[in-house]
Amino acid sequence: QVQLVESGGGSVQAGGSLRLSCAASGRTSSNYAMGWFRQSPRKEREFVAAITWSSGSTYYADSVKGRFTISRDNAKNTVYLQMNSLNPEDTAVYYCAAARSLVGVTTAAYNSWGQGTQVTVSS
């Protein structure tokens, strides 16, 4: 079992930046990839970005491409999401997730989830 703890959320004005962190503990060696998802009220949880632990290959949703950057620190078992040029549509609870065997853009591909961190962007 893998435990994930997100941090770094908060409130920011449009155009600002935030960096989210996700620290993994437990059986981290069983993970193949890590992903970030987000969920706003009355919407389904949606894919934001993902990264593989070994090669560092990255994947992004079209809505965040060019603005968000996912990275990882293997020594710290930590994944980051740098978010720039934030706009009010980015307001959501952001979740970190771990996948055992493949990188996916749906929640079904991920086995473990963090508790989420709120990001609020005001106009």
PDB file of N, CA and C in Angstrom:
ATOM      1  N   GLN A   1       0.842  -1.200   0.000  1.00  0.00           N
ATOM      2  CA  GLN A   1       0.000   0.000   0.000  1.00  0.00           C
ATOM      3  C   GLN A   1       0.873   1.245   0.000  1.00  0.00           C
ATOM      4  N   VAL A   2       0.444   2.238  -0.739  1.00  0.00           N
ATOM      5  CA  VAL A   2       1.175   3.497  -0.846  1.00  0.00           C
ATOM      6  C   VAL A   2       0.345   4.599  -0.196  1.00  0.00           C
ATOM      7  N   GLN A   3       1.005   5.420   0.579  1.00  0.00           N
ATOM      8  CA  GLN A   3       0.328   6.576   1.161  1.00  0.00           C
ATOM      9  C   GLN A   3       0.820   7.830   0.447  1.00  0.00           C
ATOM     10  N   LEU A   4      -0.106   8.705   0.141  1.00  0.00           N
ATOM     11  CA  LEU A   4       0.216   9.934  -0.589  1.00  0.00           C
ATOM     12  C   LEU A   4      -0.299  11.131   0.191  1.00  0.00           C
ATOM     13  N   VAL A   5       0.556  12.134   0.308  1.00  0.00           N
ATOM     14  CA  VAL A   5       0.170  13.347   1.026  1.00  0.00           C
ATOM     15  C   VAL A   5       0.487  14.549   0.154  1.00  0.00           C
ATOM     16  N   GLU A   6      -0.551  15.305  -0.197  1.00  0.00           N
ATOM     17  CA  GLU A   6      -0.368  16.500  -1.008  1.00  0.00           C
ATOM     18  C   GLU A   6      -0.181  17.724  -0.107  1.00  0.00           C
ATOM     19  N   SER A   7       0.515  18.713  -0.655  1.00  0.00           N
ATOM     20  CA  SER A   7       0.651  19.996   0.031  1.00  0.00           C
ATOM     21  C   SER A   7       0.898  21.073  -1.012  1.00  0.00           C
ATOM     22  N   GLY A   8       0.773  22.332  -0.582  1.00  0.00           N
ATOM     23  CA  GLY A   8       1.096  23.434  -1.477  1.00  0.00           C
ATOM     24  C   GLY A   8      -0.092  24.168  -2.051  1.00  0.00           C
ATOM     25  N   GLY A   9      -1.295  23.699  -1.779  1.00  0.00           N
ATOM     26  CA  GLY A   9      -2.462  24.403  -2.287  1.00  0.00           C
ATOM     27  C   GLY A   9      -2.635  25.740  -1.590  1.00  0.00           C
ATOM     28  N   GLY A  10      -3.561  26.543  -2.108  1.00  0.00           N
ATOM     29  CA  GLY A  10      -3.827  27.834  -1.500  1.00  0.00           C
ATOM     30  C   GLY A  10      -4.624  28.704  -2.437  1.00  0.00           C
ATOM     31  N   SER A  11      -4.653  29.993  -2.125  1.00  0.00           N
ATOM     32  CA  SER A  11      -5.394  30.965  -2.924  1.00  0.00           C
ATOM     33  C   SER A  11      -4.422  31.878  -3.633  1.00  0.00           C
ATOM     34  N   VAL A  12      -4.730  32.187  -4.878  1.00  0.00           N
ATOM     35  CA  VAL A  12      -3.853  33.023  -5.675  1.00  0.00           C
ATOM     36  C   VAL A  12      -4.705  33.807  -6.663  1.00  0.00           C
ATOM     37  N   GLN A  13      -4.209  34.931  -7.100  1.00  0.00           N
ATOM     38  CA  GLN A  13      -4.921  35.713  -8.110  1.00  0.00           C
ATOM     39  C   GLN A  13      -4.616  35.179  -9.501  1.00  0.00           C
ATOM     40  N   ALA A  14      -5.495  35.465 -10.422  1.00  0.00           N
ATOM     41  CA  ALA A  14      -5.304  35.046 -11.802  1.00  0.00           C
ATOM     42  C   ALA A  14      -3.949  35.534 -12.317  1.00  0.00           C
ATOM     43  N   GLY A  15      -3.265  34.650 -13.029  1.00  0.00           N
ATOM     44  CA  GLY A  15      -1.936  34.967 -13.518  1.00  0.00           C
ATOM     45  C   GLY A  15      -0.820  34.523 -12.590  1.00  0.00           C
ATOM     46  N   GLY A  16      -1.185  34.139 -11.373  1.00  0.00           N
ATOM     47  CA  GLY A  16      -0.192  33.735 -10.393  1.00  0.00           C
ATOM     48  C   GLY A  16       0.240  32.286 -10.552  1.00  0.00           C
ATOM     49  N   SER A  17       1.077  31.841  -9.609  1.00  0.00           N
ATOM     50  CA  SER A  17       1.657  30.494  -9.653  1.00  0.00           C
ATOM     51  C   SER A  17       1.537  29.817  -8.301  1.00  0.00           C
ATOM     52  N   LEU A  18       1.488  28.501  -8.338  1.00  0.00           N
ATOM     53  CA  LEU A  18       1.552  27.678  -7.147  1.00  0.00           C
ATOM     54  C   LEU A  18       2.325  26.414  -7.495  1.00  0.00           C
ATOM     55  N   ARG A  19       2.952  25.810  -6.480  1.00  0.00           N
ATOM     56  CA  ARG A  19       3.587  24.521  -6.682  1.00  0.00           C
ATOM     57  C   ARG A  19       3.024  23.530  -5.683  1.00  0.00           C
ATOM     58  N   LEU A  20       2.475  22.462  -6.200  1.00  0.00           N
ATOM     59  CA  LEU A  20       1.960  21.393  -5.370  1.00  0.00           C
ATOM     60  C   LEU A  20       3.017  20.305  -5.216  1.00  0.00           C
ATOM     61  N   SER A  21       3.012  19.676  -4.051  1.00  0.00           N
ATOM     62  CA  SER A  21       3.906  18.554  -3.796  1.00  0.00           C
ATOM     63  C   SER A  21       3.087  17.342  -3.385  1.00  0.00           C
ATOM     64  N   CYS A  22       3.604  16.170  -3.709  1.00  0.00           N
ATOM     65  CA  CYS A  22       2.965  14.918  -3.313  1.00  0.00           C
ATOM     66  C   CYS A  22       4.053  13.983  -2.823  1.00  0.00           C
ATOM     67  N   ALA A  23       4.054  13.713  -1.534  1.00  0.00           N
ATOM     68  CA  ALA A  23       5.040  12.820  -0.942  1.00  0.00           C
ATOM     69  C   ALA A  23       4.464  11.421  -0.824  1.00  0.00           C
ATOM     70  N   ALA A  24       5.192  10.447  -1.347  1.00  0.00           N
ATOM     71  CA  ALA A  24       4.750   9.063  -1.316  1.00  0.00           C
ATOM     72  C   ALA A  24       5.532   8.283  -0.278  1.00  0.00           C
ATOM     73  N   SER A  25       4.851   7.410   0.434  1.00  0.00           N
ATOM     74  CA  SER A  25       5.511   6.545   1.408  1.00  0.00           C
ATOM     75  C   SER A  25       4.865   5.167   1.339  1.00  0.00           C
ATOM     76  N   GLY A  26       5.506   4.202   1.982  1.00  0.00           N
ATOM     77  CA  GLY A  26       5.004   2.838   1.925  1.00  0.00           C
ATOM     78  C   GLY A  26       5.669   2.071   0.797  1.00  0.00           C
ATOM     79  N   ARG A  27       4.899   1.248   0.079  1.00  0.00           N
ATOM     80  CA  ARG A  27       5.463   0.396  -0.967  1.00  0.00           C
ATOM     81  C   ARG A  27       5.622   1.180  -2.268  1.00  0.00           C
ATOM     82  N   THR A  28       6.472   2.187  -2.235  1.00  0.00           N
ATOM     83  CA  THR A  28       6.633   3.061  -3.397  1.00  0.00           C
ATOM     84  C   THR A  28       7.300   2.353  -4.571  1.00  0.00           C
ATOM     85  N   SER A  29       8.054   1.283  -4.301  1.00  0.00           N
ATOM     86  CA  SER A  29       8.743   0.588  -5.395  1.00  0.00           C
ATOM     87  C   SER A  29       7.758  -0.098  -6.334  1.00  0.00           C
ATOM     88  N   SER A  30       6.519  -0.276  -5.883  1.00  0.00           N
ATOM     89  CA  SER A  30       5.527  -0.941  -6.736  1.00  0.00           C
ATOM     90  C   SER A  30       4.843   0.027  -7.698  1.00  0.00           C
ATOM     91  N   ASN A  31       5.198   1.314  -7.615  1.00  0.00           N
ATOM     92  CA  ASN A  31       4.545   2.302  -8.467  1.00  0.00           C
ATOM     93  C   ASN A  31       5.270   2.467  -9.779  1.00  0.00           C
ATOM     94  N   TYR A  32       4.513   2.622 -10.847  1.00  0.00           N
ATOM     95  CA  TYR A  32       5.075   2.867 -12.166  1.00  0.00           C
ATOM     96  C   TYR A  32       5.005   4.343 -12.525  1.00  0.00           C
ATOM     97  N   ALA A  33       3.920   4.977 -12.132  1.00  0.00           N
ATOM     98  CA  ALA A  33       3.714   6.371 -12.516  1.00  0.00           C
ATOM     99  C   ALA A  33       2.911   7.097 -11.448  1.00  0.00           C
ATOM    100  N   MET A  34       2.981   8.395 -11.505  1.00  0.00           N
ATOM    101  CA  MET A  34       2.205   9.244 -10.612  1.00  0.00           C
ATOM    102  C   MET A  34       1.392  10.227 -11.451  1.00  0.00           C
ATOM    103  N   GLY A  35       0.231  10.551 -10.956  1.00  0.00           N
ATOM    104  CA  GLY A  35      -0.609  11.490 -11.693  1.00  0.00           C
ATOM    105  C   GLY A  35      -1.212  12.543 -10.797  1.00  0.00           C
ATOM    106  N   TRP A  36      -1.599  13.632 -11.414  1.00  0.00           N
ATOM    107  CA  TRP A  36      -2.373  14.677 -10.734  1.00  0.00           C
ATOM    108  C   TRP A  36      -3.739  14.773 -11.414  1.00  0.00           C
ATOM    109  N   PHE A  37      -4.762  14.825 -10.607  1.00  0.00           N
ATOM    110  CA  PHE A  37      -6.121  15.021 -11.067  1.00  0.00           C
ATOM    111  C   PHE A  37      -6.697  16.215 -10.316  1.00  0.00           C
ATOM    112  N   ARG A  38      -7.808  16.724 -10.801  1.00  0.00           N
ATOM    113  CA  ARG A  38      -8.488  17.789 -10.085  1.00  0.00           C
ATOM    114  C   ARG A  38      -9.993  17.617 -10.215  1.00  0.00           C
ATOM    115  N   GLN A  39     -10.677  18.166  -9.208  1.00  0.00           N
ATOM    116  CA  GLN A  39     -12.131  18.058  -9.197  1.00  0.00           C
ATOM    117  C   GLN A  39     -12.713  19.343  -8.637  1.00  0.00           C
ATOM    118  N   SER A  40     -13.613  19.946  -9.388  1.00  0.00           N
ATOM    119  CA  SER A  40     -14.324  21.138  -8.934  1.00  0.00           C
ATOM    120  C   SER A  40     -15.778  20.753  -8.677  1.00  0.00           C
ATOM    121  N   PRO A  41     -16.512  21.558  -7.936  1.00  0.00           N
ATOM    122  CA  PRO A  41     -17.892  21.212  -7.593  1.00  0.00           C
ATOM    123  C   PRO A  41     -18.741  20.896  -8.823  1.00  0.00           C
ATOM    124  N   ARG A  42     -19.521  19.852  -8.711  1.00  0.00           N
ATOM    125  CA  ARG A  42     -20.462  19.433  -9.773  1.00  0.00           C
ATOM    126  C   ARG A  42     -19.752  18.945 -11.033  1.00  0.00           C
ATOM    127  N   LYS A  43     -18.459  18.654 -10.930  1.00  0.00           N
ATOM    128  CA  LYS A  43     -17.730  18.111 -12.071  1.00  0.00           C
ATOM    129  C   LYS A  43     -17.061  16.807 -11.684  1.00  0.00           C
ATOM    130  N   GLU A  44     -16.791  15.996 -12.677  1.00  0.00           N
ATOM    131  CA  GLU A  44     -16.074  14.755 -12.405  1.00  0.00           C
ATOM    132  C   GLU A  44     -14.583  15.049 -12.236  1.00  0.00           C
ATOM    133  N   ARG A  45     -13.925  14.120 -11.570  1.00  0.00           N
ATOM    134  CA  ARG A  45     -12.479  14.265 -11.398  1.00  0.00           C
ATOM    135  C   ARG A  45     -11.820  14.133 -12.767  1.00  0.00           C
ATOM    136  N   GLU A  46     -10.921  15.079 -13.080  1.00  0.00           N
ATOM    137  CA  GLU A  46     -10.314  15.079 -14.408  1.00  0.00           C
ATOM    138  C   GLU A  46      -8.793  15.015 -14.331  1.00  0.00           C
ATOM    139  N   PHE A  47      -8.230  14.402 -15.340  1.00  0.00           N
ATOM    140  CA  PHE A  47      -6.784  14.242 -15.445  1.00  0.00           C
ATOM    141  C   PHE A  47      -6.122  15.586 -15.688  1.00  0.00           C
ATOM    142  N   VAL A  48      -4.968  15.787 -15.038  1.00  0.00           N
ATOM    143  CA  VAL A  48      -4.189  17.014 -15.227  1.00  0.00           C
ATOM    144  C   VAL A  48      -2.832  16.686 -15.841  1.00  0.00           C
ATOM    145  N   ALA A  49      -2.095  15.806 -15.181  1.00  0.00           N
ATOM    146  CA  ALA A  49      -0.743  15.483 -15.648  1.00  0.00           C
ATOM    147  C   ALA A  49      -0.297  14.176 -15.021  1.00  0.00           C
ATOM    148  N   ALA A  50       0.704  13.546 -15.655  1.00  0.00           N
ATOM    149  CA  ALA A  50       1.267  12.314 -15.118  1.00  0.00           C
ATOM    150  C   ALA A  50       2.729  12.223 -15.488  1.00  0.00           C
ATOM    151  N   ILE A  51       3.459  11.413 -14.708  1.00  0.00           N
ATOM    152  CA  ILE A  51       4.882  11.229 -14.954  1.00  0.00           C
ATOM    153  C   ILE A  51       5.264   9.815 -14.533  1.00  0.00           C
ATOM    154  N   THR A  52       6.179   9.194 -15.291  1.00  0.00           N
ATOM    155  CA  THR A  52       6.659   7.874 -14.901  1.00  0.00           C
ATOM    156  C   THR A  52       7.887   8.031 -14.006  1.00  0.00           C
ATOM    157  N   TRP A  53       8.006   7.121 -13.036  1.00  0.00           N
ATOM    158  CA  TRP A  53       9.113   7.231 -12.100  1.00  0.00           C
ATOM    159  C   TRP A  53      10.455   6.971 -12.775  1.00  0.00           C
ATOM    160  N   SER A  54      10.515   5.984 -13.659  1.00  0.00           N
ATOM    161  CA  SER A  54      11.813   5.556 -14.178  1.00  0.00           C
ATOM    162  C   SER A  54      12.364   6.517 -15.228  1.00  0.00           C
ATOM    163  N   SER A  55      11.607   6.764 -16.288  1.00  0.00           N
ATOM    164  CA  SER A  55      12.120   7.573 -17.384  1.00  0.00           C
ATOM    165  C   SER A  55      11.774   9.052 -17.259  1.00  0.00           C
ATOM    166  N   GLY A  56      10.794   9.358 -16.415  1.00  0.00           N
ATOM    167  CA  GLY A  56      10.376  10.751 -16.292  1.00  0.00           C
ATOM    168  C   GLY A  56       9.527  11.228 -17.460  1.00  0.00           C
ATOM    169  N   SER A  57       8.974  10.314 -18.228  1.00  0.00           N
ATOM    170  CA  SER A  57       8.083  10.714 -19.322  1.00  0.00           C
ATOM    171  C   SER A  57       6.861  11.426 -18.742  1.00  0.00           C
ATOM    172  N   THR A  58       6.458  12.490 -19.416  1.00  0.00           N
ATOM    173  CA  THR A  58       5.362  13.301 -18.898  1.00  0.00           C
ATOM    174  C   THR A  58       4.182  13.352 -19.858  1.00  0.00           C
ATOM    175  N   TYR A  59       3.008  13.577 -19.285  1.00  0.00           N
ATOM    176  CA  TYR A  59       1.761  13.617 -20.042  1.00  0.00           C
ATOM    177  C   TYR A  59       0.907  14.729 -19.437  1.00  0.00           C
ATOM    178  N   TYR A  60       0.225  15.472 -20.302  1.00  0.00           N
ATOM    179  CA  TYR A  60      -0.565  16.601 -19.831  1.00  0.00           C
ATOM    180  C   TYR A  60      -1.937  16.646 -20.495  1.00  0.00           C
ATOM    181  N   ALA A  61      -2.897  17.150 -19.749  1.00  0.00           N
ATOM    182  CA  ALA A  61      -4.178  17.486 -20.357  1.00  0.00           C
ATOM    183  C   ALA A  61      -3.990  18.726 -21.228  1.00  0.00           C
ATOM    184  N   ASP A  62      -4.758  18.816 -22.301  1.00  0.00           N
ATOM    185  CA  ASP A  62      -4.617  19.957 -23.208  1.00  0.00           C
ATOM    186  C   ASP A  62      -4.849  21.283 -22.485  1.00  0.00           C
ATOM    187  N   SER A  63      -5.723  21.267 -21.504  1.00  0.00           N
ATOM    188  CA  SER A  63      -6.090  22.507 -20.816  1.00  0.00           C
ATOM    189  C   SER A  63      -4.955  23.096 -19.983  1.00  0.00           C
ATOM    190  N   VAL A  64      -3.940  22.295 -19.677  1.00  0.00           N
ATOM    191  CA  VAL A  64      -2.844  22.799 -18.839  1.00  0.00           C
ATOM    192  C   VAL A  64      -1.500  22.797 -19.554  1.00  0.00           C
ATOM    193  N   LYS A  65      -1.463  22.264 -20.757  1.00  0.00           N
ATOM    194  CA  LYS A  65      -0.213  22.187 -21.499  1.00  0.00           C
ATOM    195  C   LYS A  65       0.373  23.578 -21.691  1.00  0.00           C
ATOM    196  N   GLY A  66       1.669  23.701 -21.414  1.00  0.00           N
ATOM    197  CA  GLY A  66       2.328  24.987 -21.554  1.00  0.00           C
ATOM    198  C   GLY A  66       2.255  25.858 -20.314  1.00  0.00           C
ATOM    199  N   ARG A  67       1.383  25.484 -19.365  1.00  0.00           N
ATOM    200  CA  ARG A  67       1.257  26.269 -18.131  1.00  0.00           C
ATOM    201  C   ARG A  67       1.687  25.473 -16.896  1.00  0.00           C
ATOM    202  N   PHE A  68       1.419  24.182 -16.901  1.00  0.00           N
ATOM    203  CA  PHE A  68       1.753  23.324 -15.763  1.00  0.00           C
ATOM    204  C   PHE A  68       2.939  22.438 -16.133  1.00  0.00           C
ATOM    205  N   THR A  69       3.751  22.139 -15.131  1.00  0.00           N
ATOM    206  CA  THR A  69       4.872  21.229 -15.317  1.00  0.00           C
ATOM    207  C   THR A  69       4.901  20.221 -14.180  1.00  0.00           C
ATOM    208  N   ILE A  70       4.919  18.943 -14.534  1.00  0.00           N
ATOM    209  CA  ILE A  70       5.030  17.883 -13.538  1.00  0.00           C
ATOM    210  C   ILE A  70       6.475  17.409 -13.503  1.00  0.00           C
ATOM    211  N   SER A  71       6.973  17.140 -12.307  1.00  0.00           N
ATOM    212  CA  SER A  71       8.339  16.654 -12.156  1.00  0.00           C
ATOM    213  C   SER A  71       8.390  15.718 -10.959  1.00  0.00           C
ATOM    214  N   ARG A  72       9.517  14.991 -10.853  1.00  0.00           N
ATOM    215  CA  ARG A  72       9.635  14.082  -9.706  1.00  0.00           C
ATOM    216  C   ARG A  72      11.039  14.105  -9.171  1.00  0.00           C
ATOM    217  N   ASP A  73      11.139  13.780  -7.883  1.00  0.00           N
ATOM    218  CA  ASP A  73      12.418  13.619  -7.206  1.00  0.00           C
ATOM    219  C   ASP A  73      12.416  12.191  -6.663  1.00  0.00           C
ATOM    220  N   ASN A  74      13.090  11.294  -7.371  1.00  0.00           N
ATOM    221  CA  ASN A  74      13.054   9.889  -6.988  1.00  0.00           C
ATOM    222  C   ASN A  74      13.654   9.650  -5.598  1.00  0.00           C
ATOM    223  N   ALA A  75      14.673  10.401  -5.261  1.00  0.00           N
ATOM    224  CA  ALA A  75      15.316  10.215  -3.961  1.00  0.00           C
ATOM    225  C   ALA A  75      14.374  10.566  -2.812  1.00  0.00           C
ATOM    226  N   LYS A  76      13.474  11.506  -3.065  1.00  0.00           N
ATOM    227  CA  LYS A  76      12.543  11.933  -2.020  1.00  0.00           C
ATOM    228  C   LYS A  76      11.165  11.293  -2.180  1.00  0.00           C
ATOM    229  N   ASN A  77      10.990  10.473  -3.215  1.00  0.00           N
ATOM    230  CA  ASN A  77       9.672   9.886  -3.487  1.00  0.00           C
ATOM    231  C   ASN A  77       8.599  10.967  -3.535  1.00  0.00           C
ATOM    232  N   THR A  78       8.916  12.048  -4.210  1.00  0.00           N
ATOM    233  CA  THR A  78       8.014  13.190  -4.245  1.00  0.00           C
ATOM    234  C   THR A  78       7.782  13.633  -5.684  1.00  0.00           C
ATOM    235  N   VAL A  79       6.546  13.975  -5.970  1.00  0.00           N
ATOM    236  CA  VAL A  79       6.165  14.490  -7.273  1.00  0.00           C
ATOM    237  C   VAL A  79       5.659  15.915  -7.089  1.00  0.00           C
ATOM    238  N   TYR A  80       5.958  16.757  -8.054  1.00  0.00           N
ATOM    239  CA  TYR A  80       5.579  18.163  -7.973  1.00  0.00           C
ATOM    240  C   TYR A  80       4.698  18.545  -9.160  1.00  0.00           C
ATOM    241  N   LEU A  81       3.890  19.552  -8.945  1.00  0.00           N
ATOM    242  CA  LEU A  81       3.128  20.132 -10.043  1.00  0.00           C
ATOM    243  C   LEU A  81       3.298  21.647  -9.958  1.00  0.00           C
ATOM    244  N   GLN A  82       4.104  22.178 -10.854  1.00  0.00           N
ATOM    245  CA  GLN A  82       4.291  23.626 -10.932  1.00  0.00           C
ATOM    246  C   GLN A  82       3.196  24.190 -11.817  1.00  0.00           C
ATOM    247  N   MET A  83       2.419  25.113 -11.278  1.00  0.00           N
ATOM    248  CA  MET A  83       1.278  25.676 -12.000  1.00  0.00           C
ATOM    249  C   MET A  83       1.497  27.164 -12.197  1.00  0.00           C
ATOM    250  N   ASN A  84       1.617  27.567 -13.442  1.00  0.00           N
ATOM    251  CA  ASN A  84       1.822  28.973 -13.788  1.00  0.00           C
ATOM    252  C   ASN A  84       0.629  29.497 -14.581  1.00  0.00           C
ATOM    253  N   SER A  85       0.540  30.797 -14.678  1.00  0.00           N
ATOM    254  CA  SER A  85      -0.538  31.440 -15.431  1.00  0.00           C
ATOM    255  C   SER A  85      -1.899  30.888 -15.046  1.00  0.00           C
ATOM    256  N   LEU A  86      -2.117  30.794 -13.762  1.00  0.00           N
ATOM    257  CA  LEU A  86      -3.372  30.226 -13.272  1.00  0.00           C
ATOM    258  C   LEU A  86      -4.551  31.127 -13.618  1.00  0.00           C
ATOM    259  N   ASN A  87      -5.682  30.502 -13.874  1.00  0.00           N
ATOM    260  CA  ASN A  87      -6.912  31.245 -14.128  1.00  0.00           C
ATOM    261  C   ASN A  87      -8.036  30.649 -13.278  1.00  0.00           C
ATOM    262  N   PRO A  88      -9.143  31.345 -13.147  1.00  0.00           N
ATOM    263  CA  PRO A  88     -10.215  30.866 -12.262  1.00  0.00           C
ATOM    264  C   PRO A  88     -10.721  29.464 -12.618  1.00  0.00           C
ATOM    265  N   GLU A  89     -10.610  29.069 -13.880  1.00  0.00           N
ATOM    266  CA  GLU A  89     -11.051  27.718 -14.275  1.00  0.00           C
ATOM    267  C   GLU A  89     -10.173  26.624 -13.687  1.00  0.00           C
ATOM    268  N   ASP A  90      -9.014  26.993 -13.162  1.00  0.00           N
ATOM    269  CA  ASP A  90      -8.129  26.013 -12.519  1.00  0.00           C
ATOM    270  C   ASP A  90      -8.523  25.754 -11.066  1.00  0.00           C
ATOM    271  N   THR A  91      -9.475  26.501 -10.554  1.00  0.00           N
ATOM    272  CA  THR A  91      -9.924  26.307  -9.183  1.00  0.00           C
ATOM    273  C   THR A  91     -10.515  24.911  -9.002  1.00  0.00           C
ATOM    274  N   ALA A  92      -9.981  24.168  -8.044  1.00  0.00           N
ATOM    275  CA  ALA A  92     -10.420  22.787  -7.822  1.00  0.00           C
ATOM    276  C   ALA A  92      -9.661  22.214  -6.637  1.00  0.00           C
ATOM    277  N   VAL A  93     -10.087  21.043  -6.205  1.00  0.00           N
ATOM    278  CA  VAL A  93      -9.281  20.248  -5.296  1.00  0.00           C
ATOM    279  C   VAL A  93      -8.367  19.385  -6.168  1.00  0.00           C
ATOM    280  N   TYR A  94      -7.099  19.439  -5.890  1.00  0.00           N
ATOM    281  CA  TYR A  94      -6.114  18.698  -6.672  1.00  0.00           C
ATOM    282  C   TYR A  94      -5.689  17.453  -5.898  1.00  0.00           C
ATOM    283  N   TYR A  95      -5.717  16.321  -6.601  1.00  0.00           N
ATOM    284  CA  TYR A  95      -5.392  15.038  -6.007  1.00  0.00           C
ATOM    285  C   TYR A  95      -4.170  14.429  -6.680  1.00  0.00           C
ATOM    286  N   CYS A  96      -3.357  13.821  -5.867  1.00  0.00           N
ATOM    287  CA  CYS A  96      -2.213  13.056  -6.337  1.00  0.00           C
ATOM    288  C   CYS A  96      -2.615  11.585  -6.340  1.00  0.00           C
ATOM    289  N   ALA A  97      -2.127  10.821  -7.320  1.00  0.00           N
ATOM    290  CA  ALA A  97      -2.490   9.418  -7.408  1.00  0.00           C
ATOM    291  C   ALA A  97      -1.303   8.605  -7.897  1.00  0.00           C
ATOM    292  N   ALA A  98      -1.289   7.331  -7.508  1.00  0.00           N
ATOM    293  CA  ALA A  98      -0.215   6.419  -7.902  1.00  0.00           C
ATOM    294  C   ALA A  98      -0.776   5.282  -8.744  1.00  0.00           C
ATOM    295  N   ALA A  99      -0.052   4.955  -9.807  1.00  0.00           N
ATOM    296  CA  ALA A  99      -0.459   3.859 -10.694  1.00  0.00           C
ATOM    297  C   ALA A  99       0.607   2.772 -10.665  1.00  0.00           C
ATOM    298  N   ARG A 100       0.160   1.508 -10.622  1.00  0.00           N
ATOM    299  CA  ARG A 100       1.120   0.398 -10.512  1.00  0.00           C
ATOM    300  C   ARG A 100       1.728  -0.003 -11.847  1.00  0.00           C
ATOM    301  N   SER A 101       0.927   0.039 -12.912  1.00  0.00           N
ATOM    302  CA  SER A 101       1.423  -0.630 -14.122  1.00  0.00           C
ATOM    303  C   SER A 101       1.372   0.191 -15.398  1.00  0.00           C
ATOM    304  N   LEU A 102       0.679   1.294 -15.442  1.00  0.00           N
ATOM    305  CA  LEU A 102       0.652   2.071 -16.680  1.00  0.00           C
ATOM    306  C   LEU A 102       0.257   3.505 -16.370  1.00  0.00           C
ATOM    307  N   VAL A 103       0.485   4.345 -17.332  1.00  0.00           N
ATOM    308  CA  VAL A 103       0.084   5.739 -17.207  1.00  0.00           C
ATOM    309  C   VAL A 103      -1.286   5.882 -17.851  1.00  0.00           C
ATOM    310  N   GLY A 104      -2.215   6.450 -17.147  1.00  0.00           N
ATOM    311  CA  GLY A 104      -3.549   6.609 -17.697  1.00  0.00           C
ATOM    312  C   GLY A 104      -4.082   8.000 -17.474  1.00  0.00           C
ATOM    313  N   VAL A 105      -5.124   8.347 -18.220  1.00  0.00           N
ATOM    314  CA  VAL A 105      -5.774   9.649 -18.073  1.00  0.00           C
ATOM    315  C   VAL A 105      -7.126   9.509 -17.389  1.00  0.00           C
ATOM    316  N   THR A 106      -7.439   8.309 -16.934  1.00  0.00           N
ATOM    317  CA  THR A 106      -8.678   8.104 -16.198  1.00  0.00           C
ATOM    318  C   THR A 106      -8.351   7.655 -14.785  1.00  0.00           C
ATOM    319  N   THR A 107      -9.280   7.887 -13.890  1.00  0.00           N
ATOM    320  CA  THR A 107      -9.057   7.525 -12.489  1.00  0.00           C
ATOM    321  C   THR A 107      -8.883   6.027 -12.317  1.00  0.00           C
ATOM    322  N   ALA A 108      -9.434   5.239 -13.228  1.00  0.00           N
ATOM    323  CA  ALA A 108      -9.363   3.784 -13.101  1.00  0.00           C
ATOM    324  C   ALA A 108      -7.945   3.252 -13.184  1.00  0.00           C
ATOM    325  N   ALA A 109      -7.037   4.012 -13.758  1.00  0.00           N
ATOM    326  CA  ALA A 109      -5.662   3.546 -13.909  1.00  0.00           C
ATOM    327  C   ALA A 109      -4.853   3.683 -12.632  1.00  0.00           C
ATOM    328  N   TYR A 110      -5.390   4.328 -11.630  1.00  0.00           N
ATOM    329  CA  TYR A 110      -4.646   4.664 -10.423  1.00  0.00           C
ATOM    330  C   TYR A 110      -5.192   3.923  -9.211  1.00  0.00           C
ATOM    331  N   ASN A 111      -4.249   3.464  -8.366  1.00  0.00           N
ATOM    332  CA  ASN A 111      -4.622   2.589  -7.265  1.00  0.00           C
ATOM    333  C   ASN A 111      -4.681   3.279  -5.912  1.00  0.00           C
ATOM    334  N   SER A 112      -3.879   4.311  -5.755  1.00  0.00           N
ATOM    335  CA  SER A 112      -3.814   4.987  -4.466  1.00  0.00           C
ATOM    336  C   SER A 112      -4.014   6.476  -4.687  1.00  0.00           C
ATOM    337  N   TRP A 113      -4.660   7.116  -3.714  1.00  0.00           N
ATOM    338  CA  TRP A 113      -4.994   8.531  -3.837  1.00  0.00           C
ATOM    339  C   TRP A 113      -4.653   9.276  -2.550  1.00  0.00           C
ATOM    340  N   GLY A 114      -4.259  10.543  -2.734  1.00  0.00           N
ATOM    341  CA  GLY A 114      -4.075  11.407  -1.587  1.00  0.00           C
ATOM    342  C   GLY A 114      -5.401  12.024  -1.174  1.00  0.00           C
ATOM    343  N   GLN A 115      -5.339  12.850  -0.146  1.00  0.00           N
ATOM    344  CA  GLN A 115      -6.564  13.427   0.401  1.00  0.00           C
ATOM    345  C   GLN A 115      -7.001  14.684  -0.346  1.00  0.00           C
ATOM    346  N   GLY A 116      -6.130  15.241  -1.162  1.00  0.00           N
ATOM    347  CA  GLY A 116      -6.457  16.417  -1.947  1.00  0.00           C
ATOM    348  C   GLY A 116      -6.011  17.710  -1.289  1.00  0.00           C
ATOM    349  N   THR A 117      -5.753  18.702  -2.113  1.00  0.00           N
ATOM    350  CA  THR A 117      -5.391  20.031  -1.628  1.00  0.00           C
ATOM    351  C   THR A 117      -6.140  21.064  -2.475  1.00  0.00           C
ATOM    352  N   GLN A 118      -6.705  22.059  -1.813  1.00  0.00           N
ATOM    353  CA  GLN A 118      -7.538  23.041  -2.500  1.00  0.00           C
ATOM    354  C   GLN A 118      -6.684  24.108  -3.170  1.00  0.00           C
ATOM    355  N   VAL A 119      -7.020  24.392  -4.423  1.00  0.00           N
ATOM    356  CA  VAL A 119      -6.421  25.505  -5.152  1.00  0.00           C
ATOM    357  C   VAL A 119      -7.556  26.429  -5.572  1.00  0.00           C
ATOM    358  N   THR A 120      -7.444  27.696  -5.185  1.00  0.00           N
ATOM    359  CA  THR A 120      -8.470  28.683  -5.513  1.00  0.00           C
ATOM    360  C   THR A 120      -7.818  29.845  -6.246  1.00  0.00           C
ATOM    361  N   VAL A 121      -8.321  30.144  -7.438  1.00  0.00           N
ATOM    362  CA  VAL A 121      -7.788  31.226  -8.243  1.00  0.00           C
ATOM    363  C   VAL A 121      -8.880  32.281  -8.415  1.00  0.00           C
ATOM    364  N   SER A 122      -8.585  33.482  -7.982  1.00  0.00           N
ATOM    365  CA  SER A 122      -9.567  34.559  -8.066  1.00  0.00           C
ATOM    366  C   SER A 122      -9.234  35.484  -9.233  1.00  0.00           C
ATOM    367  N   SER A 123     -10.274  36.075  -9.791  1.00  0.00           N
ATOM    368  CA  SER A 123     -10.076  36.947 -10.957  1.00  0.00           C
ATOM    369  C   SER A 123      -9.828  38.381 -10.534  1.00  0.00           C
TER     370      SER A 123
END
